[in-house]
Amino acid sequence: MVALSAKTNLTMVTEFFLLGFPGNQLLRNIIFLLFLLVFGATIYGNLLIIVLVSTSKNLYTPMYFFISQLSISDVLLTTNIVPNLLHILLNNGETITFIGCITQLYFFSVSEVFECLLLTVMSYDRYVAICNPLRYTSIITSEFCVKSVVLSWVLCFFVSIIVTITPSKLSFCATNIIDHFFCDIVPLVEISCSDAFIVHLEIYLLSIALVIAPSTIIIKCYVCIIVNILKIPSSTGRQKAFSTCSSHLIVVSIFYWTLFSVYVFPTKGQSSTISKILSLLYTVFTPLVNPVIYSLRNKDIRKAIQGTFHLQGSSPCAKIDLILLL
């Protein structure tokens, strides 16, 4: 650990120390193995979705196009956070350079902002599909899908620059120890000895624009969706309609609940341990469950896997492999 004097300013800071999860080495080794398995499964599941959507004609639909983009974002998030987390668990902490810290914060912001925007677009897609199905193909066109995704990527890269520039200008003089497992903006601001009013104002304004506003749109879409589903006379029809958006609603609920808990309305007196556990939900576990909830139990995905791996007439052993894959 590197101690910094009170006169040390930003230009003299060369590294931070990520504290991670200090404690018993045996427990950290067990958690390491768990997160290593999660990391492998996350990369495998999301890359599988990306490959299937790119190669299977049956998956050339707006919904799967958006899901593949979500998988790209999840791969970016996972590779940015988890390898460093694994290193921290093995070594009871990790030293990270100032540039490395800001870079990690930038790409973390990119993936999180993109997911906020994309989940909003996907909610609108489900809204049109259920509430205005006759006009779905004329509204949710290929051009709309490409433009909305490109715009989301452009906005997330631009907004992330703003998110990282302001904290990078802070001064750090009391300590360089970050009580977290990655360089998040909140714990970074907490160890600064500068006036962080501008940073807190920035977080507040961006939370309104990127968390509260999209979540409001999503809620409005799902209110309309639920109202329309309840109008369907048959229970089978209602169940079928709800199944098309239930997976998205689950992912949205988990993602936005953790974001609100950590950034928008953090619980008063919330400990660093609780904050880190909440952060684990959207940085480690959400990228894992996204492909499972959205796709890997989907009939279209199963058919695409069978077509890709040519398992239609394959041997019983190959079919067992497919079962294990799913």
Protein backbone atom coordinates (compact mmCIF):
# COMPACT_ATOMS: atom_id res chain seq x y z
CA MET A 1 0.00 0.00 0.00
CA VAL A 2 1.27 3.43 -0.87
CA ALA A 3 0.66 6.26 1.58
CA LEU A 4 0.21 9.74 0.12
CA SER A 5 1.05 12.94 1.94
CA ALA A 6 -1.45 15.70 2.52
CA LYS A 7 0.27 17.84 -0.07
CA THR A 8 -0.01 15.25 -2.80
CA ASN A 9 -2.19 16.43 -5.64
CA LEU A 10 -3.61 14.72 -8.70
CA THR A 11 -0.49 15.19 -10.85
CA MET A 12 1.61 13.27 -8.28
CA VAL A 13 -0.79 10.33 -7.83
CA THR A 14 0.51 7.30 -9.69
CA GLU A 15 -1.55 4.46 -8.24
CA PHE A 16 -4.44 3.40 -6.01
CA PHE A 17 -4.91 0.29 -3.91
CA LEU A 18 -8.16 -1.63 -4.45
CA LEU A 19 -9.03 -3.24 -1.13
CA GLY A 20 -11.54 -5.74 -2.52
CA PHE A 21 -12.81 -8.27 0.02
CA PRO A 22 -10.28 -8.50 2.85
CA GLY A 23 -10.59 -11.53 5.09
CA ASN A 24 -9.76 -15.21 5.44
CA GLN A 25 -7.60 -16.53 2.58
CA LEU A 26 -9.54 -19.80 2.38
CA LEU A 27 -12.83 -17.95 1.98
CA ARG A 28 -11.31 -15.70 -0.68
CA ASN A 29 -10.01 -18.77 -2.53
CA ILE A 30 -13.50 -20.29 -2.55
CA ILE A 31 -14.98 -17.01 -3.80
CA PHE A 32 -12.21 -16.88 -6.42
CA LEU A 33 -13.21 -20.31 -7.79
CA LEU A 34 -16.87 -19.27 -7.82
CA PHE A 35 -16.18 -16.05 -9.72
CA LEU A 36 -13.82 -17.87 -12.10
CA LEU A 37 -16.65 -20.26 -13.01
CA VAL A 38 -19.07 -17.34 -13.33
CA PHE A 39 -16.58 -15.51 -15.56
CA GLY A 40 -16.14 -18.50 -17.88
CA ALA A 41 -19.88 -19.16 -18.08
CA THR A 42 -20.61 -15.47 -18.73
CA ILE A 43 -18.12 -15.20 -21.60
CA TYR A 44 -19.27 -18.51 -23.08
CA GLY A 45 -22.99 -17.73 -22.85
CA ASN A 46 -22.76 -14.22 -24.27
CA LEU A 47 -20.37 -15.16 -27.08
CA LEU A 48 -22.70 -18.02 -27.96
CA ILE A 49 -25.61 -15.58 -28.27
CA ILE A 50 -23.53 -13.21 -30.43
CA VAL A 51 -22.43 -16.03 -32.76
CA LEU A 52 -25.91 -17.54 -33.06
CA VAL A 53 -27.62 -14.24 -33.82
CA SER A 54 -24.91 -13.41 -36.39
CA THR A 55 -25.09 -16.76 -38.20
CA SER A 56 -28.66 -18.06 -37.84
CA LYS A 57 -31.28 -16.70 -40.24
CA ASN A 58 -34.03 -17.71 -37.82
CA LEU A 59 -32.71 -15.12 -35.37
CA TYR A 60 -32.69 -12.17 -37.78
CA THR A 61 -35.32 -10.32 -35.78
CA PRO A 62 -35.19 -7.01 -33.87
CA MET A 63 -35.50 -8.73 -30.49
CA TYR A 64 -32.49 -10.99 -31.04
CA PHE A 65 -30.51 -8.17 -32.61
CA PHE A 66 -30.97 -6.15 -29.42
CA ILE A 67 -30.13 -9.19 -27.27
CA SER A 68 -26.86 -9.69 -29.20
CA GLN A 69 -25.95 -6.06 -28.55
CA LEU A 70 -26.70 -6.56 -24.87
CA SER A 71 -24.35 -9.56 -24.93
CA ILE A 72 -21.59 -7.41 -26.45
CA SER A 73 -22.06 -4.91 -23.63
CA ASP A 74 -22.00 -7.71 -21.04
CA VAL A 75 -18.75 -9.12 -22.46
CA LEU A 76 -17.21 -5.65 -22.29
CA LEU A 77 -18.36 -5.20 -18.69
CA THR A 78 -17.21 -8.65 -17.57
CA THR A 79 -13.74 -8.48 -19.13
CA ASN A 80 -13.29 -5.00 -17.65
CA ILE A 81 -14.20 -5.96 -14.07
CA VAL A 82 -13.82 -9.68 -13.33
CA PRO A 83 -10.14 -10.39 -14.23
CA ASN A 84 -9.05 -7.62 -11.84
CA LEU A 85 -11.49 -8.93 -9.23
CA LEU A 86 -9.94 -12.40 -9.48
CA HIS A 87 -6.47 -10.92 -9.04
CA ILE A 88 -7.66 -8.97 -5.98
CA LEU A 89 -9.08 -12.12 -4.38
CA LEU A 90 -5.83 -14.05 -4.86
CA ASN A 91 -3.59 -11.26 -3.58
CA ASN A 92 -5.83 -9.70 -0.90
CA GLY A 93 -5.96 -6.43 -2.83
CA GLU A 94 -4.43 -4.96 -5.95
CA THR A 95 -2.46 -1.87 -6.88
CA ILE A 96 -3.80 -0.11 -9.96
CA THR A 97 -2.28 2.88 -11.71
CA PHE A 98 -4.17 6.15 -11.85
CA ILE A 99 -4.54 5.84 -15.63
CA GLY A 100 -5.67 2.22 -15.24
CA CYS A 101 -8.25 3.28 -12.65
CA ILE A 102 -9.70 6.01 -14.86
CA THR A 103 -9.69 3.67 -17.87
CA GLN A 104 -11.60 1.02 -15.92
CA LEU A 105 -14.10 3.64 -14.78
CA TYR A 106 -14.55 4.79 -18.39
CA PHE A 107 -15.31 1.35 -19.85
CA PHE A 108 -17.50 0.49 -16.87
CA SER A 109 -19.51 3.65 -17.59
CA VAL A 110 -19.71 2.76 -21.29
CA SER A 111 -21.26 -0.65 -20.63
CA GLU A 112 -23.66 0.59 -17.92
CA VAL A 113 -24.89 3.63 -19.88
CA PHE A 114 -25.34 1.52 -22.99
CA GLU A 115 -27.39 -1.05 -21.08
CA CYS A 116 -29.62 1.70 -19.66
CA LEU A 117 -30.32 3.00 -23.16
CA LEU A 118 -30.66 -0.42 -24.79
CA LEU A 119 -33.10 -1.75 -22.19
CA THR A 120 -35.25 1.31 -22.87
CA VAL A 121 -35.23 0.60 -26.61
CA MET A 122 -36.06 -3.05 -25.95
CA SER A 123 -39.01 -1.98 -23.77
CA TYR A 124 -40.33 0.11 -26.64
CA ASP A 125 -39.87 -2.88 -28.96
CA ARG A 126 -41.99 -5.07 -26.63
CA TYR A 127 -44.55 -2.26 -26.29
CA VAL A 128 -45.05 -2.03 -30.05
CA ALA A 129 -45.11 -5.84 -30.44
CA ILE A 130 -47.94 -6.25 -27.91
CA CYS A 131 -49.83 -2.97 -28.05
CA ASN A 132 -49.58 -2.29 -31.79
CA PRO A 133 -48.75 -5.65 -33.43
CA LEU A 134 -50.23 -4.80 -36.85
CA ARG A 135 -47.77 -1.92 -37.27
CA TYR A 136 -44.80 -3.67 -35.69
CA THR A 137 -42.92 -4.39 -38.91
CA SER A 138 -43.44 -0.84 -40.18
CA ILE A 139 -42.28 0.77 -36.89
CA ILE A 140 -39.50 -1.57 -35.71
CA THR A 141 -37.64 -1.70 -39.02
CA SER A 142 -34.03 -2.71 -39.64
CA GLU A 143 -33.19 0.95 -40.05
CA PHE A 144 -34.76 1.78 -36.68
CA CYS A 145 -32.84 -1.03 -34.97
CA VAL A 146 -29.47 -0.05 -36.42
CA LYS A 147 -29.96 3.68 -35.79
CA SER A 148 -31.12 3.18 -32.20
CA VAL A 149 -28.18 0.89 -31.38
CA VAL A 150 -25.60 3.13 -33.07
CA LEU A 151 -27.04 6.17 -31.29
CA SER A 152 -26.91 4.31 -27.97
CA TRP A 153 -23.25 3.39 -28.50
CA VAL A 154 -22.32 6.94 -29.52
CA LEU A 155 -24.12 8.44 -26.51
CA CYS A 156 -22.57 6.00 -24.05
CA PHE A 157 -19.03 6.70 -25.28
CA PHE A 158 -19.66 10.45 -25.14
CA VAL A 159 -21.35 10.44 -21.72
CA SER A 160 -18.62 8.21 -20.30
CA ILE A 161 -16.03 10.81 -21.24
CA ILE A 162 -17.93 13.35 -19.13
CA VAL A 163 -18.24 10.84 -16.27
CA THR A 164 -14.47 10.21 -16.16
CA ILE A 165 -13.09 13.69 -16.85
CA THR A 166 -14.48 15.34 -13.71
CA PRO A 167 -13.25 12.69 -11.20
CA SER A 168 -9.85 12.68 -12.93
CA LYS A 169 -9.40 16.32 -11.90
CA LEU A 170 -9.90 15.62 -8.19
CA SER A 171 -7.04 15.81 -5.71
CA PHE A 172 -6.17 12.85 -3.48
CA CYS A 173 -4.21 13.64 -0.35
CA ALA A 174 -5.45 11.64 2.64
CA THR A 175 -5.28 8.08 1.31
CA ASN A 176 -5.05 6.19 -1.96
CA ILE A 177 -6.91 3.10 -0.69
CA ILE A 178 -10.21 2.48 -2.51
CA ASP A 179 -12.54 0.28 -0.44
CA HIS A 180 -14.02 -1.46 -3.46
CA PHE A 181 -13.16 -4.16 -5.99
CA PHE A 182 -13.04 -1.81 -8.99
CA CYS A 183 -12.64 1.90 -9.69
CA ASP A 184 -16.20 3.09 -9.31
CA ILE A 185 -16.96 6.80 -9.16
CA VAL A 186 -18.57 6.80 -5.68
CA PRO A 187 -15.67 5.25 -3.69
CA LEU A 188 -13.21 7.27 -5.80
CA VAL A 189 -14.91 10.51 -4.78
CA GLU A 190 -15.02 9.39 -1.14
CA ILE A 191 -11.22 9.30 -0.83
CA SER A 192 -10.73 12.67 -2.54
CA CYS A 193 -9.79 15.72 -0.49
CA SER A 194 -11.19 18.11 -3.13
CA ASP A 195 -14.56 19.79 -3.10
CA ALA A 196 -16.65 17.13 -4.84
CA PHE A 197 -19.78 19.27 -5.29
CA ILE A 198 -19.43 19.31 -9.08
CA VAL A 199 -18.97 15.53 -9.20
CA HIS A 200 -22.02 14.92 -7.01
CA LEU A 201 -24.06 17.35 -9.13
CA GLU A 202 -22.88 15.54 -12.25
CA ILE A 203 -23.87 12.16 -10.80
CA TYR A 204 -27.28 13.57 -9.85
CA LEU A 205 -27.97 15.07 -13.29
CA LEU A 206 -26.73 12.02 -15.16
CA SER A 207 -28.82 9.80 -12.90
CA ILE A 208 -31.92 11.73 -13.93
CA ALA A 209 -31.01 11.55 -17.62
CA LEU A 210 -29.72 7.98 -17.77
CA VAL A 211 -31.47 6.14 -14.95
CA ILE A 212 -34.67 7.88 -13.86
CA ALA A 213 -35.84 9.02 -17.33
CA PRO A 214 -35.26 5.62 -19.02
CA SER A 215 -36.82 3.75 -16.09
CA THR A 216 -39.86 6.05 -16.31
CA ILE A 217 -40.22 5.24 -20.02
CA ILE A 218 -39.86 1.53 -19.27
CA ILE A 219 -42.51 1.67 -16.55
CA LYS A 220 -44.89 3.53 -18.86
CA CYS A 221 -44.33 0.95 -21.62
CA TYR A 222 -45.01 -1.95 -19.26
CA VAL A 223 -48.11 -0.35 -17.80
CA CYS A 224 -49.52 -0.17 -21.34
CA ILE A 225 -48.33 -3.72 -22.02
CA ILE A 226 -50.01 -5.13 -18.89
CA VAL A 227 -53.25 -3.25 -19.62
CA ASN A 228 -53.34 -4.69 -23.15
CA ILE A 229 -52.50 -8.20 -21.94
CA LEU A 230 -55.36 -8.11 -19.43
CA LYS A 231 -57.74 -7.24 -22.30
CA ILE A 232 -56.91 -10.52 -24.09
CA PRO A 233 -59.95 -12.81 -23.58
CA SER A 234 -58.20 -16.19 -23.40
CA SER A 235 -55.80 -17.17 -20.62
CA THR A 236 -53.57 -18.92 -23.16
CA GLY A 237 -53.31 -15.71 -25.17
CA ARG A 238 -52.51 -13.70 -22.07
CA GLN A 239 -49.84 -16.18 -21.01
CA LYS A 240 -48.26 -16.19 -24.46
CA ALA A 241 -48.24 -12.39 -24.65
CA PHE A 242 -46.72 -12.01 -21.20
CA SER A 243 -44.03 -14.61 -21.92
CA THR A 244 -42.68 -12.43 -24.74
CA CYS A 245 -41.76 -9.65 -22.32
CA SER A 246 -41.39 -11.33 -18.90
CA SER A 247 -37.68 -12.10 -19.38
CA HIS A 248 -36.94 -8.49 -20.28
CA LEU A 249 -38.93 -7.28 -17.27
CA ILE A 250 -36.89 -9.52 -14.93
CA VAL A 251 -33.57 -8.21 -16.28
CA VAL A 252 -34.76 -4.60 -16.13
CA SER A 253 -35.95 -5.02 -12.53
CA ILE A 254 -32.63 -6.47 -11.32
CA PHE A 255 -30.52 -3.96 -13.24
CA TYR A 256 -32.39 -0.80 -12.25
CA TRP A 257 -32.95 -1.86 -8.64
CA THR A 258 -29.19 -2.18 -8.08
CA LEU A 259 -28.46 1.09 -9.93
CA PHE A 260 -31.02 2.99 -7.85
CA SER A 261 -29.66 1.44 -4.65
CA VAL A 262 -26.05 2.40 -5.36
CA TYR A 263 -26.20 5.65 -7.34
CA VAL A 264 -29.61 7.33 -7.19
CA PHE A 265 -31.04 6.65 -3.73
CA PRO A 266 -28.30 4.95 -1.68
CA THR A 267 -29.44 3.79 1.73
CA LYS A 268 -28.34 6.12 4.54
CA GLY A 269 -25.43 4.56 6.39
CA GLN A 270 -25.01 1.88 3.73
CA SER A 271 -21.80 -0.01 4.53
CA SER A 272 -19.04 -0.55 1.99
CA THR A 273 -19.72 -4.30 2.18
CA ILE A 274 -23.38 -3.85 1.19
CA SER A 275 -22.32 -1.47 -1.59
CA LYS A 276 -19.83 -4.01 -2.92
CA ILE A 277 -22.40 -6.82 -2.81
CA LEU A 278 -24.89 -4.68 -4.75
CA SER A 279 -22.15 -3.83 -7.24
CA LEU A 280 -21.46 -7.54 -7.71
CA LEU A 281 -25.06 -8.01 -8.84
CA TYR A 282 -24.78 -5.75 -11.87
CA THR A 283 -21.09 -6.21 -12.69
CA VAL A 284 -20.67 -9.98 -12.23
CA PHE A 285 -23.98 -11.80 -11.97
CA THR A 286 -26.27 -9.79 -14.28
CA PRO A 287 -24.02 -10.44 -17.34
CA LEU A 288 -24.26 -14.14 -16.45
CA VAL A 289 -28.03 -14.36 -16.07
CA ASN A 290 -28.87 -12.11 -19.04
CA PRO A 291 -28.24 -14.75 -21.74
CA VAL A 292 -29.90 -17.42 -19.58
CA ILE A 293 -33.04 -15.40 -18.88
CA TYR A 294 -33.33 -14.00 -22.40
CA SER A 295 -32.25 -16.74 -24.71
CA LEU A 296 -30.63 -19.98 -23.66
CA ARG A 297 -34.00 -21.44 -22.65
CA ASN A 298 -35.66 -20.13 -25.79
CA LYS A 299 -36.92 -22.53 -28.49
CA ASP A 300 -35.54 -20.34 -31.28
CA ILE A 301 -32.11 -20.40 -29.66
CA ARG A 302 -32.25 -24.20 -29.28
CA LYS A 303 -33.06 -24.58 -32.96
CA ALA A 304 -30.26 -22.19 -33.86
CA ILE A 305 -27.80 -24.23 -31.75
CA GLN A 306 -28.97 -27.43 -33.42
CA GLY A 307 -28.54 -25.85 -36.85
CA THR A 308 -25.15 -24.36 -36.04
CA PHE A 309 -23.74 -27.56 -34.59
CA HIS A 310 -25.62 -29.79 -37.10
CA LEU A 311 -27.31 -31.84 -34.41
CA GLN A 312 -30.60 -32.57 -36.18
CA GLY A 313 -29.59 -36.09 -37.12
CA SER A 314 -26.68 -36.49 -34.81
CA SER A 315 -25.85 -39.37 -32.50
CA PRO A 316 -27.31 -39.76 -28.99
CA CYS A 317 -23.98 -38.60 -27.52
CA ALA A 318 -24.20 -35.35 -29.48
CA LYS A 319 -27.75 -34.82 -28.27
CA ILE A 320 -26.57 -35.31 -24.69
CA ASP A 321 -23.94 -32.63 -25.35
CA LEU A 322 -26.69 -30.28 -26.54
CA ILE A 323 -28.67 -30.91 -23.34
CA LEU A 324 -25.60 -30.09 -21.26
CA LEU A 325 -25.04 -26.97 -23.38
CA LEU A 326 -28.52 -25.72 -22.58
